[in-house]
Amino acid sequence: MKKQGMIITCLAILGLSAGAVGLGTAANSDEWKLPADLKAGPAIAEINPSTGAEVKVDRFDNVQKKAGEAAGLLDEKTNTNYFTIEVTNSQVLSSCNARVGNHRLKPSRSLFLVLDVKASLAASVSQKVGGSASELFMPLVAETFSVTTGNGTPERNLTSEAAWGCLEDAVLLPPVVNPGQSVSGKVVLDIDAPKGKVAYDPENNGGWSWPYGG
């Protein structure tokens, strides 16, 4: 329970529980930044500080990213990247290789959405949010992702026994990223729509979204 509390604290301070102002990689800053005064809460930037482009946010408070575009959280005062995440590729499949055995699995719904994800969490994050680095992490499990199509509401129940059984452990994304780590791998979701947007939004109150399905 103590570790779960540290997740929530970390998310709130890093701006995933409200809006924030810009971030990404040094070469391609995103639209989320940590405010100088953490008590004031994060806010959404109007302009991407790296490109000068207008920041677009959907009605669910997700900053809209292009396919393969990095996102994350930047301390505007120190120009330090604390957390980055990127959906580098996505595939919509009618079946997948089973994790165990030599056979194919079918989705419980209509399709599998397989995401290639990269994420990192700075070793210095504990200095920003407080607490021990061993107690801080960002979740990367399937439950932190949602899918939206058209004008519908986000579909957050994208897990299934079939999706869990896809692909070998060696290629799957770890369930969390810890301070000082950079991780990459695949996340498998069980979906209905062949086209839409997939969002990383762990607390259901704002994150980032990427298009999938062309």
N, C-alpha and C. Protein backbone atom coordinates (compact mmCIF):
# COMPACT_ATOMS: atom_id res chain seq x y z
N MET A 1 0.83 -1.20 0.00
CA MET A 1 0.00 0.00 0.00
C MET A 1 0.87 1.26 0.00
N LYS A 2 1.98 1.20 0.70
CA LYS A 2 2.87 2.36 0.73
C LYS A 2 3.39 2.68 -0.66
N LYS A 3 3.74 1.64 -1.41
CA LYS A 3 4.26 1.87 -2.75
C LYS A 3 3.19 2.43 -3.67
N GLN A 4 1.94 1.97 -3.52
CA GLN A 4 0.87 2.50 -4.33
C GLN A 4 0.67 3.99 -4.07
N GLY A 5 0.79 4.40 -2.81
CA GLY A 5 0.68 5.81 -2.48
C GLY A 5 1.75 6.64 -3.16
N MET A 6 2.94 6.07 -3.26
CA MET A 6 4.03 6.79 -3.92
C MET A 6 3.78 6.92 -5.41
N ILE A 7 3.08 5.96 -6.02
CA ILE A 7 2.73 6.09 -7.43
C ILE A 7 1.81 7.29 -7.61
N ILE A 8 0.78 7.37 -6.80
CA ILE A 8 -0.20 8.45 -6.93
C ILE A 8 0.45 9.79 -6.69
N THR A 9 1.29 9.87 -5.67
CA THR A 9 1.99 11.11 -5.39
C THR A 9 2.86 11.52 -6.57
N CYS A 10 3.58 10.56 -7.12
CA CYS A 10 4.47 10.83 -8.25
C CYS A 10 3.68 11.32 -9.45
N LEU A 11 2.56 10.67 -9.74
CA LEU A 11 1.74 11.06 -10.88
C LEU A 11 1.19 12.46 -10.70
N ALA A 12 0.69 12.75 -9.52
CA ALA A 12 0.08 14.05 -9.28
C ALA A 12 1.10 15.17 -9.44
N ILE A 13 2.27 14.99 -8.87
CA ILE A 13 3.28 16.03 -8.94
C ILE A 13 3.83 16.17 -10.36
N LEU A 14 3.95 15.08 -11.07
CA LEU A 14 4.49 15.15 -12.42
C LEU A 14 3.47 15.63 -13.44
N GLY A 15 2.24 15.86 -13.03
CA GLY A 15 1.30 16.48 -13.93
C GLY A 15 0.38 15.56 -14.67
N LEU A 16 0.35 14.27 -14.32
CA LEU A 16 -0.54 13.36 -15.03
C LEU A 16 -1.93 13.34 -14.42
N SER A 17 -2.13 14.01 -13.30
CA SER A 17 -3.45 14.00 -12.69
C SER A 17 -4.20 15.29 -12.99
N ALA A 18 -3.55 16.22 -13.66
CA ALA A 18 -4.22 17.44 -14.09
C ALA A 18 -3.58 17.82 -15.40
N GLY A 19 -3.37 19.00 -15.72
CA GLY A 19 -2.65 19.32 -16.93
C GLY A 19 -1.22 19.64 -16.55
N ALA A 20 -0.40 19.91 -17.51
CA ALA A 20 0.93 20.41 -17.22
C ALA A 20 1.39 21.20 -18.41
N VAL A 21 2.52 21.76 -18.39
CA VAL A 21 2.97 22.59 -19.50
C VAL A 21 3.99 21.99 -20.39
N GLY A 22 4.67 21.66 -20.96
CA GLY A 22 5.39 21.03 -22.02
C GLY A 22 6.50 20.06 -21.74
N LEU A 23 6.74 19.09 -22.56
CA LEU A 23 7.85 18.17 -22.35
C LEU A 23 8.11 17.23 -23.50
N GLY A 24 9.10 16.43 -23.38
CA GLY A 24 9.48 15.45 -24.37
C GLY A 24 10.94 15.19 -24.26
N THR A 25 11.62 15.00 -25.36
CA THR A 25 13.07 14.87 -25.33
C THR A 25 13.67 16.25 -25.55
N ALA A 26 14.96 16.36 -25.34
CA ALA A 26 15.61 17.66 -25.52
C ALA A 26 15.45 18.15 -26.95
N ALA A 27 15.41 17.19 -27.89
CA ALA A 27 15.30 17.57 -29.30
C ALA A 27 13.86 17.81 -29.73
N ASN A 28 12.91 17.30 -28.96
CA ASN A 28 11.52 17.40 -29.38
C ASN A 28 10.64 17.53 -28.15
N SER A 29 10.61 18.73 -27.57
CA SER A 29 9.88 18.93 -26.33
C SER A 29 8.39 18.71 -26.52
N ASP A 30 7.78 18.15 -25.51
CA ASP A 30 6.35 17.89 -25.51
C ASP A 30 5.63 19.12 -24.97
N GLU A 31 4.35 18.95 -24.63
CA GLU A 31 3.56 20.08 -24.17
C GLU A 31 3.26 20.02 -22.68
N TRP A 32 4.02 19.26 -21.92
CA TRP A 32 3.80 19.20 -20.48
C TRP A 32 5.06 19.65 -19.76
N LYS A 33 4.90 20.54 -18.80
CA LYS A 33 6.03 20.95 -17.96
C LYS A 33 5.59 21.02 -16.51
N LEU A 34 6.54 20.81 -15.64
CA LEU A 34 6.28 20.96 -14.22
C LEU A 34 6.33 22.44 -13.85
N PRO A 35 5.34 22.92 -13.10
CA PRO A 35 5.37 24.31 -12.67
C PRO A 35 6.46 24.54 -11.64
N ALA A 36 6.94 25.78 -11.54
CA ALA A 36 7.96 26.10 -10.54
C ALA A 36 7.40 25.87 -9.13
N ASP A 37 6.12 26.20 -8.94
CA ASP A 37 5.46 25.98 -7.66
C ASP A 37 4.57 24.75 -7.78
N LEU A 38 5.01 23.62 -7.25
CA LEU A 38 4.25 22.38 -7.38
C LEU A 38 2.89 22.47 -6.72
N LYS A 39 2.76 23.29 -5.68
CA LYS A 39 1.49 23.39 -4.98
C LYS A 39 0.42 24.03 -5.86
N ALA A 40 0.86 24.80 -6.84
CA ALA A 40 -0.09 25.46 -7.72
C ALA A 40 -0.71 24.49 -8.71
N GLY A 41 -0.08 23.34 -8.88
CA GLY A 41 -0.59 22.35 -9.82
C GLY A 41 -0.13 22.64 -11.22
N PRO A 42 -0.09 21.64 -12.08
CA PRO A 42 0.37 21.82 -13.44
C PRO A 42 -0.67 22.50 -14.30
N ALA A 43 -0.24 23.02 -15.44
CA ALA A 43 -1.13 23.68 -16.38
C ALA A 43 -0.72 23.29 -17.78
N ILE A 44 -1.63 23.39 -18.72
CA ILE A 44 -1.34 23.00 -20.10
C ILE A 44 -0.81 24.18 -20.87
N ALA A 45 0.30 23.99 -21.56
CA ALA A 45 0.89 25.06 -22.36
C ALA A 45 0.06 25.29 -23.61
N GLU A 46 0.08 26.50 -24.12
CA GLU A 46 -0.60 26.81 -25.37
C GLU A 46 0.30 26.56 -26.57
N ILE A 47 1.62 26.68 -26.37
CA ILE A 47 2.59 26.53 -27.46
C ILE A 47 3.65 25.52 -27.07
N ASN A 48 4.00 24.63 -28.00
CA ASN A 48 5.10 23.70 -27.80
C ASN A 48 6.39 24.50 -27.72
N PRO A 49 7.13 24.44 -26.61
CA PRO A 49 8.32 25.27 -26.45
C PRO A 49 9.45 24.92 -27.41
N SER A 50 9.41 23.72 -27.98
CA SER A 50 10.47 23.30 -28.89
C SER A 50 10.18 23.69 -30.33
N THR A 51 8.92 23.48 -30.76
CA THR A 51 8.58 23.71 -32.17
C THR A 51 7.84 25.00 -32.42
N GLY A 52 7.26 25.59 -31.37
CA GLY A 52 6.47 26.79 -31.54
C GLY A 52 5.07 26.50 -32.05
N ALA A 53 4.73 25.21 -32.23
CA ALA A 53 3.41 24.84 -32.73
C ALA A 53 2.37 24.89 -31.61
N GLU A 54 1.13 25.09 -32.01
CA GLU A 54 0.03 25.12 -31.04
C GLU A 54 -0.14 23.74 -30.42
N VAL A 55 -0.34 23.72 -29.12
CA VAL A 55 -0.58 22.47 -28.41
C VAL A 55 -2.07 22.13 -28.50
N LYS A 56 -2.34 20.92 -28.98
CA LYS A 56 -3.73 20.50 -29.12
C LYS A 56 -4.07 19.48 -28.04
N VAL A 57 -5.17 19.73 -27.35
CA VAL A 57 -5.60 18.88 -26.25
C VAL A 57 -7.04 18.44 -26.53
N ASP A 58 -7.31 17.15 -26.36
CA ASP A 58 -8.68 16.67 -26.59
C ASP A 58 -9.55 16.94 -25.37
N ARG A 59 -10.81 16.57 -25.48
CA ARG A 59 -11.77 16.88 -24.40
C ARG A 59 -11.53 16.05 -23.14
N PHE A 60 -10.62 15.10 -23.23
CA PHE A 60 -10.28 14.29 -22.07
C PHE A 60 -8.97 14.75 -21.44
N ASP A 61 -8.49 15.94 -21.85
CA ASP A 61 -7.26 16.55 -21.33
C ASP A 61 -6.02 15.77 -21.72
N ASN A 62 -6.06 15.06 -22.82
CA ASN A 62 -4.88 14.39 -23.34
C ASN A 62 -4.22 15.27 -24.40
N VAL A 63 -2.93 15.52 -24.24
CA VAL A 63 -2.18 16.23 -25.28
C VAL A 63 -2.07 15.31 -26.48
N GLN A 64 -2.45 15.80 -27.65
CA GLN A 64 -2.48 14.97 -28.85
C GLN A 64 -1.11 14.96 -29.52
N LYS A 65 -0.58 13.76 -29.70
CA LYS A 65 0.72 13.56 -30.33
C LYS A 65 0.56 12.92 -31.69
N LYS A 66 1.54 13.13 -32.55
CA LYS A 66 1.58 12.44 -33.83
C LYS A 66 2.14 11.04 -33.63
N ALA A 67 1.88 10.16 -34.59
CA ALA A 67 2.40 8.80 -34.50
C ALA A 67 3.91 8.84 -34.36
N GLY A 68 4.43 8.14 -33.37
CA GLY A 68 5.86 8.08 -33.15
C GLY A 68 6.47 9.28 -32.46
N GLU A 69 5.65 10.23 -32.02
CA GLU A 69 6.16 11.45 -31.38
C GLU A 69 6.28 11.24 -29.87
N ALA A 70 7.40 11.67 -29.31
CA ALA A 70 7.66 11.49 -27.89
C ALA A 70 6.87 12.49 -27.05
N ALA A 71 6.62 12.10 -25.81
CA ALA A 71 5.93 12.95 -24.84
C ALA A 71 6.63 12.82 -23.51
N GLY A 72 6.29 13.68 -22.57
CA GLY A 72 6.89 13.56 -21.26
C GLY A 72 6.72 14.79 -20.40
N LEU A 73 7.54 14.90 -19.37
CA LEU A 73 7.42 15.96 -18.38
C LEU A 73 8.76 16.65 -18.15
N LEU A 74 8.75 17.95 -18.28
CA LEU A 74 9.95 18.76 -18.18
C LEU A 74 9.81 19.77 -17.05
N ASP A 75 10.83 19.88 -16.23
CA ASP A 75 10.88 20.95 -15.23
C ASP A 75 11.32 22.21 -15.95
N GLU A 76 10.42 23.15 -16.11
CA GLU A 76 10.71 24.34 -16.89
C GLU A 76 11.84 25.18 -16.28
N LYS A 77 11.96 25.14 -14.95
CA LYS A 77 12.97 25.94 -14.28
C LYS A 77 14.37 25.40 -14.51
N THR A 78 14.53 24.08 -14.45
CA THR A 78 15.85 23.48 -14.58
C THR A 78 16.09 22.83 -15.94
N ASN A 79 15.04 22.77 -16.77
CA ASN A 79 15.11 22.13 -18.08
C ASN A 79 15.48 20.66 -17.98
N THR A 80 15.01 20.01 -16.88
CA THR A 80 15.28 18.60 -16.64
C THR A 80 14.09 17.76 -17.08
N ASN A 81 14.35 16.74 -17.90
CA ASN A 81 13.31 15.79 -18.27
C ASN A 81 13.19 14.74 -17.17
N TYR A 82 12.01 14.62 -16.57
CA TYR A 82 11.82 13.66 -15.50
C TYR A 82 11.18 12.36 -15.98
N PHE A 83 10.25 12.46 -16.91
CA PHE A 83 9.57 11.27 -17.41
C PHE A 83 9.30 11.44 -18.90
N THR A 84 9.59 10.42 -19.69
CA THR A 84 9.26 10.45 -21.11
C THR A 84 8.58 9.15 -21.48
N ILE A 85 7.66 9.24 -22.43
CA ILE A 85 6.98 8.06 -22.95
C ILE A 85 6.69 8.29 -24.42
N GLU A 86 6.77 7.22 -25.20
CA GLU A 86 6.58 7.33 -26.64
C GLU A 86 5.99 6.03 -27.18
N VAL A 87 4.91 6.15 -27.93
CA VAL A 87 4.39 5.02 -28.69
C VAL A 87 5.06 5.10 -30.05
N THR A 88 6.08 4.29 -30.25
CA THR A 88 6.89 4.39 -31.46
C THR A 88 6.24 3.72 -32.66
N ASN A 89 5.34 2.76 -32.39
CA ASN A 89 4.68 2.06 -33.49
C ASN A 89 3.44 1.37 -32.94
N SER A 90 2.47 1.12 -33.80
CA SER A 90 1.28 0.38 -33.40
C SER A 90 0.83 -0.53 -34.54
N GLN A 91 0.31 -1.69 -34.18
CA GLN A 91 -0.20 -2.64 -35.15
C GLN A 91 -1.56 -3.14 -34.71
N VAL A 92 -2.48 -3.25 -35.66
CA VAL A 92 -3.78 -3.84 -35.39
C VAL A 92 -3.78 -5.23 -36.00
N LEU A 93 -3.98 -6.26 -35.16
CA LEU A 93 -3.86 -7.64 -35.59
C LEU A 93 -5.12 -8.44 -35.28
N SER A 94 -5.38 -9.43 -36.11
CA SER A 94 -6.53 -10.30 -35.87
C SER A 94 -6.17 -11.49 -34.99
N SER A 95 -4.87 -11.72 -34.79
CA SER A 95 -4.40 -12.80 -33.92
C SER A 95 -2.97 -12.52 -33.50
N CYS A 96 -2.47 -13.28 -32.54
CA CYS A 96 -1.09 -13.09 -32.07
C CYS A 96 -0.47 -14.43 -31.74
N ASN A 97 0.85 -14.46 -31.68
CA ASN A 97 1.56 -15.65 -31.22
C ASN A 97 1.37 -15.80 -29.72
N ALA A 98 1.07 -17.00 -29.28
CA ALA A 98 0.86 -17.23 -27.86
C ALA A 98 2.16 -17.13 -27.09
N ARG A 99 2.07 -16.65 -25.86
CA ARG A 99 3.25 -16.58 -25.00
C ARG A 99 3.78 -17.97 -24.67
N VAL A 100 2.87 -18.89 -24.46
CA VAL A 100 3.23 -20.27 -24.14
C VAL A 100 2.62 -21.19 -25.20
N GLY A 101 3.43 -22.04 -25.78
CA GLY A 101 2.93 -22.95 -26.80
C GLY A 101 3.17 -22.42 -28.20
N ASN A 102 2.93 -23.24 -29.17
CA ASN A 102 3.19 -22.89 -30.56
C ASN A 102 1.87 -22.76 -31.32
N HIS A 103 1.07 -21.75 -30.94
CA HIS A 103 -0.22 -21.56 -31.58
C HIS A 103 -0.58 -20.08 -31.59
N ARG A 104 -1.68 -19.75 -32.26
CA ARG A 104 -2.15 -18.37 -32.37
C ARG A 104 -3.34 -18.16 -31.45
N LEU A 105 -3.43 -16.94 -30.92
CA LEU A 105 -4.56 -16.56 -30.06
C LEU A 105 -5.45 -15.55 -30.78
N LYS A 106 -6.74 -15.64 -30.54
CA LYS A 106 -7.71 -14.71 -31.08
C LYS A 106 -8.16 -13.74 -29.98
N PRO A 107 -8.44 -12.48 -30.33
CA PRO A 107 -8.88 -11.53 -29.30
C PRO A 107 -10.26 -11.87 -28.76
N SER A 108 -10.54 -11.41 -27.55
CA SER A 108 -11.87 -11.58 -26.97
C SER A 108 -12.87 -10.65 -27.62
N ARG A 109 -12.38 -9.49 -28.08
CA ARG A 109 -13.25 -8.55 -28.78
C ARG A 109 -13.05 -8.76 -30.28
N SER A 110 -12.60 -7.75 -31.00
CA SER A 110 -12.44 -7.88 -32.44
C SER A 110 -10.99 -7.99 -32.88
N LEU A 111 -10.09 -7.24 -32.20
CA LEU A 111 -8.72 -7.10 -32.66
C LEU A 111 -7.76 -6.95 -31.50
N PHE A 112 -6.49 -7.22 -31.77
CA PHE A 112 -5.43 -6.86 -30.84
C PHE A 112 -4.78 -5.57 -31.32
N LEU A 113 -4.51 -4.65 -30.41
CA LEU A 113 -3.71 -3.47 -30.69
C LEU A 113 -2.38 -3.67 -29.98
N VAL A 114 -1.32 -3.81 -30.78
CA VAL A 114 0.02 -4.05 -30.22
C VAL A 114 0.81 -2.76 -30.32
N LEU A 115 1.20 -2.21 -29.18
CA LEU A 115 1.94 -0.95 -29.11
C LEU A 115 3.41 -1.22 -28.82
N ASP A 116 4.28 -0.53 -29.54
CA ASP A 116 5.70 -0.50 -29.19
C ASP A 116 5.93 0.77 -28.39
N VAL A 117 6.37 0.63 -27.16
CA VAL A 117 6.46 1.76 -26.23
C VAL A 117 7.87 1.89 -25.68
N LYS A 118 8.33 3.12 -25.57
CA LYS A 118 9.59 3.45 -24.89
C LYS A 118 9.26 4.40 -23.75
N ALA A 119 9.90 4.22 -22.60
CA ALA A 119 9.67 5.10 -21.46
C ALA A 119 10.93 5.22 -20.63
N SER A 120 11.07 6.36 -19.97
CA SER A 120 12.21 6.56 -19.07
C SER A 120 11.78 7.42 -17.90
N LEU A 121 12.44 7.21 -16.78
CA LEU A 121 12.19 8.00 -15.57
C LEU A 121 13.54 8.40 -15.00
N ALA A 122 13.74 9.69 -14.81
CA ALA A 122 15.04 10.21 -14.39
C ALA A 122 15.41 9.72 -13.00
N ALA A 123 16.69 9.46 -12.80
CA ALA A 123 17.18 9.04 -11.49
C ALA A 123 16.95 10.12 -10.45
N SER A 124 16.91 11.39 -10.89
CA SER A 124 16.77 12.51 -9.96
C SER A 124 15.33 12.83 -9.60
N VAL A 125 14.36 11.99 -10.03
CA VAL A 125 12.96 12.31 -9.78
C VAL A 125 12.65 12.37 -8.29
N SER A 126 13.34 11.55 -7.49
CA SER A 126 13.06 11.55 -6.05
C SER A 126 13.41 12.89 -5.42
N GLN A 127 14.38 13.59 -5.99
CA GLN A 127 14.75 14.91 -5.48
C GLN A 127 13.64 15.92 -5.73
N LYS A 128 12.86 15.67 -6.78
CA LYS A 128 11.78 16.59 -7.12
C LYS A 128 10.51 16.31 -6.35
N VAL A 129 10.16 15.04 -6.21
CA VAL A 129 8.87 14.70 -5.60
C VAL A 129 8.99 14.25 -4.15
N GLY A 130 10.22 14.00 -3.69
CA GLY A 130 10.41 13.54 -2.32
C GLY A 130 10.27 12.03 -2.22
N GLY A 131 10.75 11.49 -1.13
CA GLY A 131 10.67 10.05 -0.93
C GLY A 131 11.88 9.34 -1.51
N SER A 132 11.92 8.05 -1.26
CA SER A 132 13.04 7.23 -1.71
C SER A 132 12.84 6.83 -3.16
N ALA A 133 13.93 6.81 -3.92
CA ALA A 133 13.85 6.39 -5.32
C ALA A 133 13.34 4.97 -5.44
N SER A 134 13.59 4.14 -4.45
CA SER A 134 13.14 2.75 -4.49
C SER A 134 11.63 2.63 -4.37
N GLU A 135 10.96 3.70 -3.95
CA GLU A 135 9.51 3.68 -3.78
C GLU A 135 8.77 4.39 -4.90
N LEU A 136 9.49 4.96 -5.84
CA LEU A 136 8.86 5.73 -6.91
C LEU A 136 8.94 4.99 -8.23
N PHE A 137 7.87 5.01 -8.97
CA PHE A 137 7.87 4.43 -10.30
C PHE A 137 6.65 4.93 -11.07
N MET A 138 6.68 4.75 -12.38
CA MET A 138 5.53 5.06 -13.22
C MET A 138 5.00 3.76 -13.81
N PRO A 139 3.69 3.52 -13.75
CA PRO A 139 3.12 2.27 -14.25
C PRO A 139 3.04 2.26 -15.77
N LEU A 140 3.25 1.08 -16.35
CA LEU A 140 3.21 0.92 -17.80
C LEU A 140 2.34 -0.27 -18.21
N VAL A 141 1.54 -0.77 -17.32
CA VAL A 141 0.69 -1.92 -17.61
C VAL A 141 -0.43 -1.54 -18.57
N ALA A 142 -1.09 -2.54 -19.14
CA ALA A 142 -2.15 -2.29 -20.12
C ALA A 142 -3.26 -1.41 -19.55
N GLU A 143 -3.50 -1.50 -18.25
CA GLU A 143 -4.58 -0.72 -17.63
C GLU A 143 -4.32 0.78 -17.66
N THR A 144 -3.09 1.22 -17.93
CA THR A 144 -2.80 2.65 -17.99
C THR A 144 -3.11 3.25 -19.35
N PHE A 145 -3.52 2.41 -20.31
CA PHE A 145 -3.85 2.87 -21.65
C PHE A 145 -5.35 2.80 -21.90
N SER A 146 -5.84 3.70 -22.74
CA SER A 146 -7.25 3.69 -23.14
C SER A 146 -7.34 3.96 -24.63
N VAL A 147 -8.48 3.63 -25.22
CA VAL A 147 -8.70 3.84 -26.64
C VAL A 147 -9.98 4.65 -26.83
N THR A 148 -9.93 5.60 -27.75
CA THR A 148 -11.09 6.42 -28.09
C THR A 148 -11.29 6.40 -29.59
N THR A 149 -12.52 6.27 -30.04
CA THR A 149 -12.84 6.34 -31.46
C THR A 149 -13.94 7.35 -31.69
N GLY A 150 -13.82 8.16 -32.75
CA GLY A 150 -14.85 9.13 -33.07
C GLY A 150 -15.14 10.05 -31.90
N ASN A 151 -16.42 10.23 -31.59
CA ASN A 151 -16.83 11.09 -30.49
C ASN A 151 -17.18 10.30 -29.24
N GLY A 152 -16.73 9.05 -29.20
CA GLY A 152 -17.07 8.20 -28.08
C GLY A 152 -16.26 8.51 -26.83
N THR A 153 -16.60 7.85 -25.75
CA THR A 153 -15.87 7.99 -24.50
C THR A 153 -14.72 6.99 -24.49
N PRO A 154 -13.68 7.24 -23.71
CA PRO A 154 -12.55 6.32 -23.67
C PRO A 154 -12.94 4.92 -23.20
N GLU A 155 -12.43 3.92 -23.87
CA GLU A 155 -12.59 2.53 -23.45
C GLU A 155 -11.35 2.14 -22.66
N ARG A 156 -11.53 1.87 -21.38
CA ARG A 156 -10.39 1.62 -20.50
C ARG A 156 -10.24 0.14 -20.14
N ASN A 157 -11.24 -0.64 -20.39
CA ASN A 157 -11.17 -2.06 -20.07
C ASN A 157 -10.66 -2.81 -21.29
N LEU A 158 -9.35 -2.72 -21.53
CA LEU A 158 -8.75 -3.27 -22.74
C LEU A 158 -7.91 -4.51 -22.47
N THR A 159 -8.02 -5.05 -21.29
CA THR A 159 -7.28 -6.26 -20.94
C THR A 159 -8.18 -7.47 -21.17
N SER A 160 -7.55 -8.60 -21.39
CA SER A 160 -8.27 -9.86 -21.53
C SER A 160 -7.27 -10.99 -21.34
N GLU A 161 -7.79 -12.17 -21.11
CA GLU A 161 -6.90 -13.33 -20.97
C GLU A 161 -6.14 -13.56 -22.27
N ALA A 162 -6.83 -13.31 -23.40
CA ALA A 162 -6.19 -13.50 -24.70
C ALA A 162 -5.04 -12.51 -24.90
N ALA A 163 -5.28 -11.24 -24.59
CA ALA A 163 -4.23 -10.22 -24.75
C ALA A 163 -3.06 -10.50 -23.83
N TRP A 164 -3.37 -10.91 -22.60
CA TRP A 164 -2.31 -11.23 -21.64
C TRP A 164 -1.46 -12.39 -22.14
N GLY A 165 -2.06 -13.30 -22.88
CA GLY A 165 -1.34 -14.48 -23.34
C GLY A 165 -0.53 -14.28 -24.60
N CYS A 166 -0.54 -13.06 -25.17
CA CYS A 166 0.19 -12.79 -26.41
C CYS A 166 1.68 -12.54 -26.17
N LEU A 167 2.49 -13.01 -27.07
CA LEU A 167 3.90 -12.67 -27.21
C LEU A 167 4.77 -13.17 -26.06
N GLU A 168 6.03 -13.33 -26.33
CA GLU A 168 6.98 -13.81 -25.34
C GLU A 168 7.32 -12.73 -24.32
N ASP A 169 7.63 -13.15 -23.11
CA ASP A 169 7.97 -12.20 -22.06
C ASP A 169 9.11 -11.27 -22.47
N ALA A 170 10.05 -11.79 -23.24
CA ALA A 170 11.24 -11.03 -23.60
C ALA A 170 10.94 -9.79 -24.42
N VAL A 171 9.80 -9.77 -25.13
CA VAL A 171 9.49 -8.62 -25.99
C VAL A 171 8.46 -7.69 -25.36
N LEU A 172 7.90 -8.07 -24.22
CA LEU A 172 6.86 -7.26 -23.59
C LEU A 172 7.45 -6.12 -22.76
N LEU A 173 6.70 -5.02 -22.68
CA LEU A 173 7.11 -3.87 -21.88
C LEU A 173 7.03 -4.23 -20.40
N PRO A 174 8.03 -3.85 -19.59
CA PRO A 174 7.94 -4.09 -18.14
C PRO A 174 6.72 -3.38 -17.56
N PRO A 175 6.17 -3.86 -16.45
CA PRO A 175 4.97 -3.24 -15.87
C PRO A 175 5.20 -1.86 -15.29
N VAL A 176 6.45 -1.52 -14.96
CA VAL A 176 6.76 -0.19 -14.42
C VAL A 176 8.11 0.26 -14.95
N VAL A 177 8.36 1.57 -14.86
CA VAL A 177 9.69 2.10 -15.09
C VAL A 177 10.13 2.77 -13.78
N ASN A 178 11.31 2.41 -13.32
CA ASN A 178 11.83 2.92 -12.06
C ASN A 178 12.81 4.07 -12.30
N PRO A 179 13.09 4.89 -11.29
CA PRO A 179 14.05 5.98 -11.46
C PRO A 179 15.39 5.49 -11.98
N GLY A 180 15.90 6.19 -13.00
CA GLY A 180 17.18 5.84 -13.60
C GLY A 180 17.07 4.82 -14.70
N GLN A 181 15.86 4.38 -15.02
CA GLN A 181 15.68 3.35 -16.04
C GLN A 181 15.14 3.93 -17.34
N SER A 182 15.52 3.28 -18.44
CA SER A 182 14.89 3.47 -19.74
C SER A 182 14.47 2.08 -20.20
N VAL A 183 13.20 1.92 -20.57
CA VAL A 183 12.68 0.61 -20.93
C VAL A 183 11.95 0.69 -22.26
N SER A 184 11.79 -0.44 -22.91
CA SER A 184 11.03 -0.50 -24.15
C SER A 184 10.44 -1.89 -24.29
N GLY A 185 9.37 -1.98 -25.06
CA GLY A 185 8.72 -3.27 -25.27
C GLY A 185 7.32 -3.08 -25.80
N LYS A 186 6.59 -4.18 -25.87
CA LYS A 186 5.26 -4.18 -26.47
C LYS A 186 4.18 -4.30 -25.40
N VAL A 187 3.06 -3.61 -25.65
CA VAL A 187 1.86 -3.72 -24.84
C VAL A 187 0.75 -4.21 -25.75
N VAL A 188 0.00 -5.22 -25.32
CA VAL A 188 -1.08 -5.77 -26.14
C VAL A 188 -2.43 -5.42 -25.51
N LEU A 189 -3.29 -4.78 -26.30
CA LEU A 189 -4.63 -4.40 -25.86
C LEU A 189 -5.66 -5.16 -26.69
N ASP A 190 -6.81 -5.41 -26.10
CA ASP A 190 -7.90 -6.12 -26.77
C ASP A 190 -8.97 -5.09 -27.10
N ILE A 191 -9.18 -4.80 -28.39
CA ILE A 191 -10.01 -3.67 -28.80
C ILE A 191 -11.09 -4.08 -29.79
N ASP A 192 -12.02 -3.15 -30.04
CA ASP A 192 -13.08 -3.36 -31.02
C ASP A 192 -12.85 -2.60 -32.32
N ALA A 193 -12.37 -1.35 -32.22
CA ALA A 193 -12.28 -0.49 -33.40
C ALA A 193 -10.91 -0.58 -34.07
N PRO A 194 -10.86 -0.69 -35.39
CA PRO A 194 -9.58 -0.80 -36.10
C PRO A 194 -8.83 0.51 -36.23
N LYS A 195 -9.44 1.62 -35.84
CA LYS A 195 -8.81 2.92 -36.00
C LYS A 195 -9.29 3.84 -34.89
N GLY A 196 -8.37 4.68 -34.38
CA GLY A 196 -8.75 5.62 -33.34
C GLY A 196 -7.53 6.24 -32.70
N LYS A 197 -7.63 6.54 -31.40
CA LYS A 197 -6.51 7.09 -30.64
C LYS A 197 -6.31 6.27 -29.38
N VAL A 198 -5.05 6.05 -29.07
CA VAL A 198 -4.71 5.35 -27.84
C VAL A 198 -4.01 6.34 -26.92
N ALA A 199 -4.43 6.37 -25.67
CA ALA A 199 -3.89 7.34 -24.70
C ALA A 199 -3.20 6.63 -23.55
N TYR A 200 -2.11 7.24 -23.10
CA TYR A 200 -1.50 6.86 -21.83
C TYR A 200 -2.04 7.84 -20.81
N ASP A 201 -2.89 7.36 -19.91
CA ASP A 201 -3.60 8.21 -18.97
C ASP A 201 -3.85 7.42 -17.69
N PRO A 202 -2.82 7.22 -16.88
CA PRO A 202 -2.90 6.29 -15.74
C PRO A 202 -3.99 6.59 -14.73
N GLU A 203 -4.32 7.88 -14.52
CA GLU A 203 -5.28 8.21 -13.48
C GLU A 203 -6.60 8.71 -14.04
N ASN A 204 -6.80 8.55 -15.34
CA ASN A 204 -8.08 8.90 -15.96
C ASN A 204 -8.40 10.39 -15.82
N ASN A 205 -7.38 11.22 -15.94
CA ASN A 205 -7.62 12.65 -15.87
C ASN A 205 -6.60 13.45 -16.68
N GLY A 206 -6.10 12.87 -17.73
CA GLY A 206 -5.22 13.62 -18.63
C GLY A 206 -3.86 13.00 -18.79
N GLY A 207 -3.44 12.83 -20.04
CA GLY A 207 -2.11 12.30 -20.35
C GLY A 207 -1.75 12.68 -21.76
N TRP A 208 -1.44 11.69 -22.60
CA TRP A 208 -1.10 11.94 -24.01
C TRP A 208 -1.79 10.90 -24.87
N SER A 209 -2.09 11.25 -26.11
CA SER A 209 -2.71 10.29 -27.01
C SER A 209 -2.00 10.28 -28.36
N TRP A 210 -2.03 9.11 -29.00
CA TRP A 210 -1.43 8.89 -30.32
C TRP A 210 -2.45 8.21 -31.22
N PRO A 211 -2.45 8.51 -32.52
CA PRO A 211 -3.36 7.80 -33.43
C PRO A 211 -2.89 6.37 -33.67
N TYR A 212 -3.81 5.50 -33.99
CA TYR A 212 -3.46 4.14 -34.39
C TYR A 212 -4.38 3.71 -35.54
N GLY A 213 -3.96 2.74 -36.29
CA GLY A 213 -4.79 2.20 -37.35
C GLY A 213 -4.77 3.00 -38.65
N GLY A 214 -3.74 3.81 -38.84
CA GLY A 214 -3.63 4.56 -40.09
C GLY A 214 -4.31 5.92 -40.06
